[in-house]
N, C-alpha and C. Protein backbone atom coordinates (compact mmCIF):
# COMPACT_ATOMS: atom_id res chain seq x y z
N UNK A 1 -42.27 -6.42 -0.18
CA UNK A 1 -41.53 -6.80 0.99
C UNK A 1 -42.18 -6.20 2.21
N UNK A 2 -42.13 -6.91 3.29
CA UNK A 2 -42.73 -6.39 4.50
C UNK A 2 -41.82 -5.36 5.14
N UNK A 3 -42.36 -4.63 6.06
CA UNK A 3 -41.66 -3.53 6.70
C UNK A 3 -40.34 -3.96 7.35
N UNK A 4 -40.32 -5.10 8.03
CA UNK A 4 -39.12 -5.54 8.73
C UNK A 4 -38.29 -6.54 7.95
N UNK A 5 -38.59 -6.78 6.68
CA UNK A 5 -37.86 -7.78 5.90
C UNK A 5 -36.45 -7.31 5.59
N UNK A 6 -35.48 -8.22 5.66
CA UNK A 6 -34.10 -7.85 5.33
C UNK A 6 -33.96 -7.58 3.84
N UNK A 7 -32.99 -6.75 3.50
CA UNK A 7 -32.76 -6.37 2.10
C UNK A 7 -31.76 -7.30 1.41
N UNK A 8 -31.18 -8.23 2.15
CA UNK A 8 -30.17 -9.09 1.56
C UNK A 8 -30.74 -10.38 0.98
N UNK A 9 -32.06 -10.56 0.98
CA UNK A 9 -32.68 -11.71 0.36
C UNK A 9 -32.86 -12.91 1.27
N UNK A 10 -32.30 -12.85 2.49
CA UNK A 10 -32.45 -13.96 3.42
C UNK A 10 -33.79 -13.84 4.14
N UNK A 11 -34.43 -14.96 4.31
CA UNK A 11 -35.71 -14.97 5.02
C UNK A 11 -35.46 -15.20 6.50
N UNK A 12 -35.98 -14.32 7.29
CA UNK A 12 -35.85 -14.46 8.73
C UNK A 12 -37.24 -14.60 9.29
N UNK A 13 -37.42 -15.62 10.10
CA UNK A 13 -38.74 -15.81 10.69
C UNK A 13 -38.97 -14.75 11.76
N UNK A 14 -40.18 -14.70 12.23
CA UNK A 14 -40.54 -13.68 13.21
C UNK A 14 -39.79 -13.86 14.52
N UNK A 15 -39.19 -15.04 14.75
CA UNK A 15 -38.44 -15.25 15.99
C UNK A 15 -36.94 -14.98 15.83
N UNK A 16 -36.50 -14.45 14.68
CA UNK A 16 -35.09 -14.10 14.47
C UNK A 16 -34.22 -15.25 14.03
N UNK A 17 -34.80 -16.35 13.55
CA UNK A 17 -34.03 -17.49 13.08
C UNK A 17 -34.21 -17.65 11.58
N UNK A 18 -33.27 -18.33 10.91
CA UNK A 18 -33.31 -18.48 9.45
C UNK A 18 -33.94 -19.77 8.97
N UNK A 19 -34.57 -20.52 9.81
CA UNK A 19 -35.18 -21.78 9.42
C UNK A 19 -34.30 -22.97 9.71
N UNK A 20 -32.99 -22.74 9.90
CA UNK A 20 -32.06 -23.81 10.26
C UNK A 20 -31.85 -23.86 11.77
N UNK A 21 -32.59 -23.05 12.47
CA UNK A 21 -32.45 -22.99 13.92
C UNK A 21 -31.33 -22.09 14.39
N UNK A 22 -30.62 -21.42 13.45
CA UNK A 22 -29.52 -20.53 13.83
C UNK A 22 -30.02 -19.09 13.85
N UNK A 23 -29.55 -18.35 14.81
CA UNK A 23 -29.91 -16.94 14.90
C UNK A 23 -29.17 -16.18 13.80
N UNK A 24 -29.89 -15.33 13.11
CA UNK A 24 -29.31 -14.53 12.03
C UNK A 24 -28.93 -13.17 12.57
N UNK A 25 -27.66 -12.83 12.42
CA UNK A 25 -27.17 -11.52 12.82
C UNK A 25 -26.89 -10.75 11.54
N UNK A 26 -27.62 -9.67 11.31
CA UNK A 26 -27.41 -8.92 10.07
C UNK A 26 -26.02 -8.29 10.04
N UNK A 27 -25.42 -8.15 8.85
CA UNK A 27 -24.09 -7.55 8.75
C UNK A 27 -24.13 -6.07 9.12
N UNK A 28 -22.99 -5.58 9.55
CA UNK A 28 -22.87 -4.16 9.89
C UNK A 28 -22.72 -3.27 8.66
N UNK A 29 -22.14 -3.82 7.59
CA UNK A 29 -21.86 -3.04 6.40
C UNK A 29 -22.36 -3.77 5.16
N UNK A 30 -22.53 -3.04 4.09
CA UNK A 30 -22.95 -3.62 2.81
C UNK A 30 -21.79 -4.41 2.22
N UNK A 31 -22.07 -5.25 1.24
CA UNK A 31 -21.02 -6.02 0.58
C UNK A 31 -21.15 -5.86 -0.92
N UNK A 32 -20.08 -6.21 -1.63
CA UNK A 32 -20.06 -6.14 -3.09
C UNK A 32 -19.14 -7.23 -3.61
N UNK A 33 -19.26 -7.53 -4.88
CA UNK A 33 -18.38 -8.51 -5.51
C UNK A 33 -16.97 -7.94 -5.62
N UNK A 34 -15.97 -8.77 -5.36
CA UNK A 34 -14.58 -8.33 -5.44
C UNK A 34 -14.25 -7.87 -6.85
N UNK A 35 -14.85 -8.51 -7.85
CA UNK A 35 -14.55 -8.15 -9.24
C UNK A 35 -14.99 -6.73 -9.59
N UNK A 36 -15.85 -6.12 -8.79
CA UNK A 36 -16.30 -4.75 -9.07
C UNK A 36 -15.45 -3.70 -8.40
N UNK A 37 -14.48 -4.13 -7.59
CA UNK A 37 -13.66 -3.20 -6.82
C UNK A 37 -12.43 -2.82 -7.64
N UNK A 38 -12.11 -1.52 -7.73
CA UNK A 38 -10.89 -1.13 -8.42
C UNK A 38 -9.67 -1.58 -7.63
N UNK A 39 -8.73 -2.26 -8.28
CA UNK A 39 -7.53 -2.75 -7.60
C UNK A 39 -6.39 -1.78 -7.86
N UNK A 40 -5.53 -1.68 -6.91
CA UNK A 40 -4.40 -0.78 -7.03
C UNK A 40 -4.72 0.54 -6.36
N UNK A 41 -3.69 1.21 -5.97
CA UNK A 41 -3.85 2.46 -5.25
C UNK A 41 -3.53 3.60 -6.20
N UNK A 42 -4.39 4.58 -6.21
CA UNK A 42 -4.11 5.77 -6.99
C UNK A 42 -3.84 6.91 -6.02
N UNK A 43 -2.59 7.03 -5.66
CA UNK A 43 -2.20 8.06 -4.71
C UNK A 43 -2.23 9.43 -5.34
N UNK A 44 -1.90 10.42 -4.55
CA UNK A 44 -1.99 11.80 -5.03
C UNK A 44 -0.93 12.14 -6.08
N UNK A 45 0.11 11.31 -6.20
CA UNK A 45 1.14 11.55 -7.22
C UNK A 45 0.94 10.69 -8.46
N UNK A 46 -0.20 10.04 -8.55
CA UNK A 46 -0.46 9.11 -9.64
C UNK A 46 -0.31 9.77 -11.01
N UNK A 47 -0.86 10.95 -11.19
CA UNK A 47 -0.82 11.61 -12.49
C UNK A 47 0.60 11.94 -12.92
N UNK A 48 1.37 12.58 -12.05
CA UNK A 48 2.74 12.96 -12.43
C UNK A 48 3.60 11.72 -12.67
N UNK A 49 3.42 10.68 -11.86
CA UNK A 49 4.19 9.44 -12.04
C UNK A 49 3.82 8.78 -13.36
N UNK A 50 2.54 8.74 -13.68
CA UNK A 50 2.10 8.15 -14.96
C UNK A 50 2.68 8.93 -16.14
N UNK A 51 2.72 10.25 -16.03
CA UNK A 51 3.29 11.06 -17.11
C UNK A 51 4.78 10.79 -17.28
N UNK A 52 5.50 10.67 -16.16
CA UNK A 52 6.94 10.40 -16.22
C UNK A 52 7.19 9.03 -16.84
N UNK A 53 6.44 8.01 -16.39
CA UNK A 53 6.61 6.67 -16.93
C UNK A 53 6.30 6.62 -18.42
N UNK A 54 5.27 7.34 -18.83
CA UNK A 54 4.90 7.38 -20.24
C UNK A 54 6.04 7.97 -21.07
N UNK A 55 6.65 9.05 -20.58
CA UNK A 55 7.77 9.66 -21.29
C UNK A 55 9.00 8.75 -21.28
N UNK A 56 9.24 8.06 -20.15
CA UNK A 56 10.41 7.18 -20.06
C UNK A 56 10.40 6.07 -21.10
N UNK A 57 9.25 5.46 -21.31
CA UNK A 57 9.20 4.34 -22.26
C UNK A 57 9.36 4.82 -23.70
N UNK A 58 9.10 6.08 -23.96
CA UNK A 58 9.23 6.63 -25.31
C UNK A 58 10.64 7.13 -25.62
N UNK A 59 11.46 7.32 -24.59
CA UNK A 59 12.79 7.91 -24.77
C UNK A 59 13.83 6.89 -25.18
N UNK A 60 14.83 7.38 -25.89
CA UNK A 60 16.02 6.57 -26.17
C UNK A 60 16.71 6.27 -24.85
N UNK A 61 17.44 5.17 -24.79
CA UNK A 61 18.09 4.72 -23.56
C UNK A 61 19.10 5.73 -23.02
N UNK A 62 19.68 6.55 -23.88
CA UNK A 62 20.70 7.50 -23.42
C UNK A 62 20.14 8.88 -23.06
N UNK A 63 18.82 9.00 -22.97
CA UNK A 63 18.20 10.29 -22.63
C UNK A 63 17.47 10.21 -21.30
N UNK A 64 17.27 11.39 -20.69
CA UNK A 64 16.57 11.49 -19.41
C UNK A 64 15.36 12.40 -19.56
N UNK A 65 14.36 12.15 -18.74
CA UNK A 65 13.18 13.03 -18.68
C UNK A 65 13.54 14.18 -17.75
N UNK A 66 13.25 15.41 -18.18
CA UNK A 66 13.49 16.59 -17.37
C UNK A 66 12.15 17.12 -16.87
N UNK A 67 11.92 17.04 -15.59
CA UNK A 67 10.69 17.53 -15.00
C UNK A 67 11.00 18.84 -14.27
N UNK A 68 10.47 19.96 -14.75
CA UNK A 68 10.72 21.22 -14.05
C UNK A 68 10.16 21.15 -12.63
N UNK A 69 10.98 21.52 -11.66
CA UNK A 69 10.53 21.47 -10.26
C UNK A 69 9.31 22.35 -10.04
N UNK A 70 9.21 23.45 -10.77
CA UNK A 70 8.06 24.34 -10.62
C UNK A 70 6.76 23.70 -11.11
N UNK A 71 6.87 22.66 -11.95
CA UNK A 71 5.68 21.99 -12.46
C UNK A 71 5.08 21.01 -11.45
N UNK A 72 5.75 20.80 -10.32
CA UNK A 72 5.25 19.87 -9.31
C UNK A 72 4.15 20.50 -8.45
N UNK A 73 3.79 21.73 -8.72
CA UNK A 73 2.67 22.41 -8.04
C UNK A 73 2.74 22.30 -6.53
N UNK A 74 3.90 22.59 -5.97
CA UNK A 74 4.04 22.62 -4.52
C UNK A 74 4.30 21.26 -3.89
N UNK A 75 4.20 20.18 -4.66
CA UNK A 75 4.50 18.86 -4.11
C UNK A 75 6.01 18.76 -3.88
N UNK A 76 6.38 18.08 -2.83
CA UNK A 76 7.80 17.89 -2.56
C UNK A 76 8.37 16.89 -3.57
N UNK A 77 9.51 17.25 -4.12
CA UNK A 77 10.17 16.39 -5.09
C UNK A 77 10.49 15.03 -4.47
N UNK A 78 10.80 14.99 -3.19
CA UNK A 78 11.12 13.73 -2.51
C UNK A 78 9.91 12.78 -2.52
N UNK A 79 8.70 13.34 -2.35
CA UNK A 79 7.50 12.51 -2.36
C UNK A 79 7.20 11.97 -3.75
N UNK A 80 7.43 12.80 -4.77
CA UNK A 80 7.25 12.34 -6.14
C UNK A 80 8.28 11.26 -6.47
N UNK A 81 9.50 11.46 -6.01
CA UNK A 81 10.55 10.46 -6.24
C UNK A 81 10.19 9.13 -5.57
N UNK A 82 9.66 9.18 -4.37
CA UNK A 82 9.25 7.95 -3.67
C UNK A 82 8.13 7.24 -4.41
N UNK A 83 7.15 8.00 -4.87
CA UNK A 83 6.03 7.41 -5.62
C UNK A 83 6.53 6.81 -6.92
N UNK A 84 7.45 7.50 -7.59
CA UNK A 84 8.03 6.99 -8.83
C UNK A 84 8.83 5.71 -8.55
N UNK A 85 9.57 5.69 -7.46
CA UNK A 85 10.35 4.50 -7.09
C UNK A 85 9.44 3.30 -6.87
N UNK A 86 8.31 3.49 -6.18
CA UNK A 86 7.38 2.38 -5.96
C UNK A 86 6.82 1.87 -7.30
N UNK A 87 6.47 2.80 -8.18
CA UNK A 87 5.88 2.41 -9.47
C UNK A 87 6.88 1.70 -10.36
N UNK A 88 8.12 2.17 -10.39
CA UNK A 88 9.12 1.54 -11.27
C UNK A 88 9.55 0.18 -10.73
N UNK A 89 9.60 0.02 -9.42
CA UNK A 89 9.91 -1.31 -8.87
C UNK A 89 8.79 -2.29 -9.20
N UNK A 90 7.54 -1.82 -9.13
CA UNK A 90 6.41 -2.68 -9.45
C UNK A 90 6.44 -3.12 -10.91
N UNK A 91 6.91 -2.24 -11.79
CA UNK A 91 6.99 -2.54 -13.22
C UNK A 91 8.33 -3.16 -13.60
N UNK A 92 9.19 -3.38 -12.62
CA UNK A 92 10.52 -3.94 -12.86
C UNK A 92 11.27 -3.10 -13.90
N UNK A 93 11.23 -1.79 -13.72
CA UNK A 93 11.88 -0.84 -14.62
C UNK A 93 12.92 -0.06 -13.81
N UNK A 94 14.19 -0.48 -13.85
CA UNK A 94 15.20 0.24 -13.07
C UNK A 94 15.42 1.64 -13.62
N UNK A 95 15.40 2.62 -12.72
CA UNK A 95 15.64 4.01 -13.10
C UNK A 95 16.61 4.65 -12.12
N UNK A 96 17.15 5.76 -12.55
CA UNK A 96 17.98 6.59 -11.69
C UNK A 96 17.39 7.99 -11.72
N UNK A 97 17.66 8.76 -10.66
CA UNK A 97 17.13 10.12 -10.59
C UNK A 97 18.23 11.06 -10.11
N UNK A 98 18.06 12.31 -10.43
CA UNK A 98 18.95 13.36 -9.94
C UNK A 98 18.15 14.67 -9.95
N UNK A 99 18.65 15.65 -9.24
CA UNK A 99 18.01 16.96 -9.23
C UNK A 99 19.07 18.05 -9.23
N UNK A 100 18.65 19.20 -9.69
CA UNK A 100 19.44 20.41 -9.52
C UNK A 100 18.45 21.49 -9.09
N UNK A 101 18.83 22.73 -9.20
CA UNK A 101 17.93 23.79 -8.72
C UNK A 101 16.70 24.00 -9.60
N UNK A 102 16.71 23.47 -10.84
CA UNK A 102 15.58 23.67 -11.74
C UNK A 102 14.81 22.41 -12.12
N UNK A 103 15.50 21.27 -12.18
CA UNK A 103 14.88 20.07 -12.74
C UNK A 103 15.03 18.84 -11.84
N UNK A 104 14.07 17.93 -12.02
CA UNK A 104 14.12 16.58 -11.48
C UNK A 104 14.34 15.70 -12.71
N UNK A 105 15.46 14.97 -12.75
CA UNK A 105 15.84 14.16 -13.89
C UNK A 105 15.55 12.68 -13.59
N UNK A 106 15.02 11.98 -14.59
CA UNK A 106 14.75 10.54 -14.45
C UNK A 106 15.19 9.85 -15.73
N UNK A 107 15.94 8.75 -15.59
CA UNK A 107 16.35 7.98 -16.76
C UNK A 107 16.37 6.50 -16.42
N UNK A 108 16.21 5.69 -17.47
CA UNK A 108 16.24 4.23 -17.31
C UNK A 108 17.69 3.77 -17.16
N UNK A 109 17.86 2.72 -16.37
CA UNK A 109 19.19 2.13 -16.20
C UNK A 109 19.09 0.64 -16.45
N UNK A 110 20.24 0.03 -16.64
CA UNK A 110 20.30 -1.43 -16.74
C UNK A 110 20.27 -1.97 -15.31
N UNK A 111 19.73 -3.17 -15.15
CA UNK A 111 19.80 -3.81 -13.83
C UNK A 111 21.26 -4.03 -13.50
N UNK A 112 21.63 -3.80 -12.28
CA UNK A 112 23.02 -3.93 -11.86
C UNK A 112 23.40 -5.41 -11.84
N UNK A 113 24.11 -5.86 -12.88
CA UNK A 113 24.44 -7.28 -13.04
C UNK A 113 25.41 -7.76 -11.97
N UNK A 114 26.36 -6.92 -11.55
CA UNK A 114 27.31 -7.37 -10.55
C UNK A 114 26.62 -7.55 -9.20
N UNK A 115 25.64 -6.72 -8.91
CA UNK A 115 24.88 -6.85 -7.68
C UNK A 115 24.04 -8.13 -7.69
N UNK A 116 23.43 -8.43 -8.83
CA UNK A 116 22.61 -9.63 -8.96
C UNK A 116 23.45 -10.88 -8.82
N UNK A 117 24.67 -10.88 -9.41
CA UNK A 117 25.50 -12.07 -9.34
C UNK A 117 26.09 -12.25 -7.95
N UNK A 118 26.35 -11.17 -7.22
CA UNK A 118 26.90 -11.31 -5.87
C UNK A 118 25.85 -11.78 -4.88
N UNK A 119 24.58 -11.54 -5.16
CA UNK A 119 23.53 -12.00 -4.28
C UNK A 119 23.33 -13.50 -4.42
N UNK A 120 23.68 -14.07 -5.55
CA UNK A 120 23.52 -15.49 -5.78
C UNK A 120 24.62 -16.33 -5.16
N UNK A 121 25.79 -15.70 -4.78
CA UNK A 121 26.87 -16.48 -4.22
C UNK A 121 26.89 -16.51 -2.74
């Protein structure tokens, strides 16, 4: 390749045109195939949320996951709860949460049938 040749494979003549008479403006940034891009966001609470979800699906319906607040490594319980809420809504998995001075509790719930039926009327 010559010293001034573009790296994107397009041939540009010495006058800055591509042979079709149009001026070629090189892109400002590199590009890649969309299929090579990781989809989805892995936020900073991804690990703890994944662990909670993994435990939830393994539990009996009448049990709750107990997450010791001290195990959150300084993260605010409210932020973990928000991240968990986003993940469970995305998976269509209704859950409820509660806290006390030692634990953050999470359990699966049934979809609120009376709420669903009132929205349809």
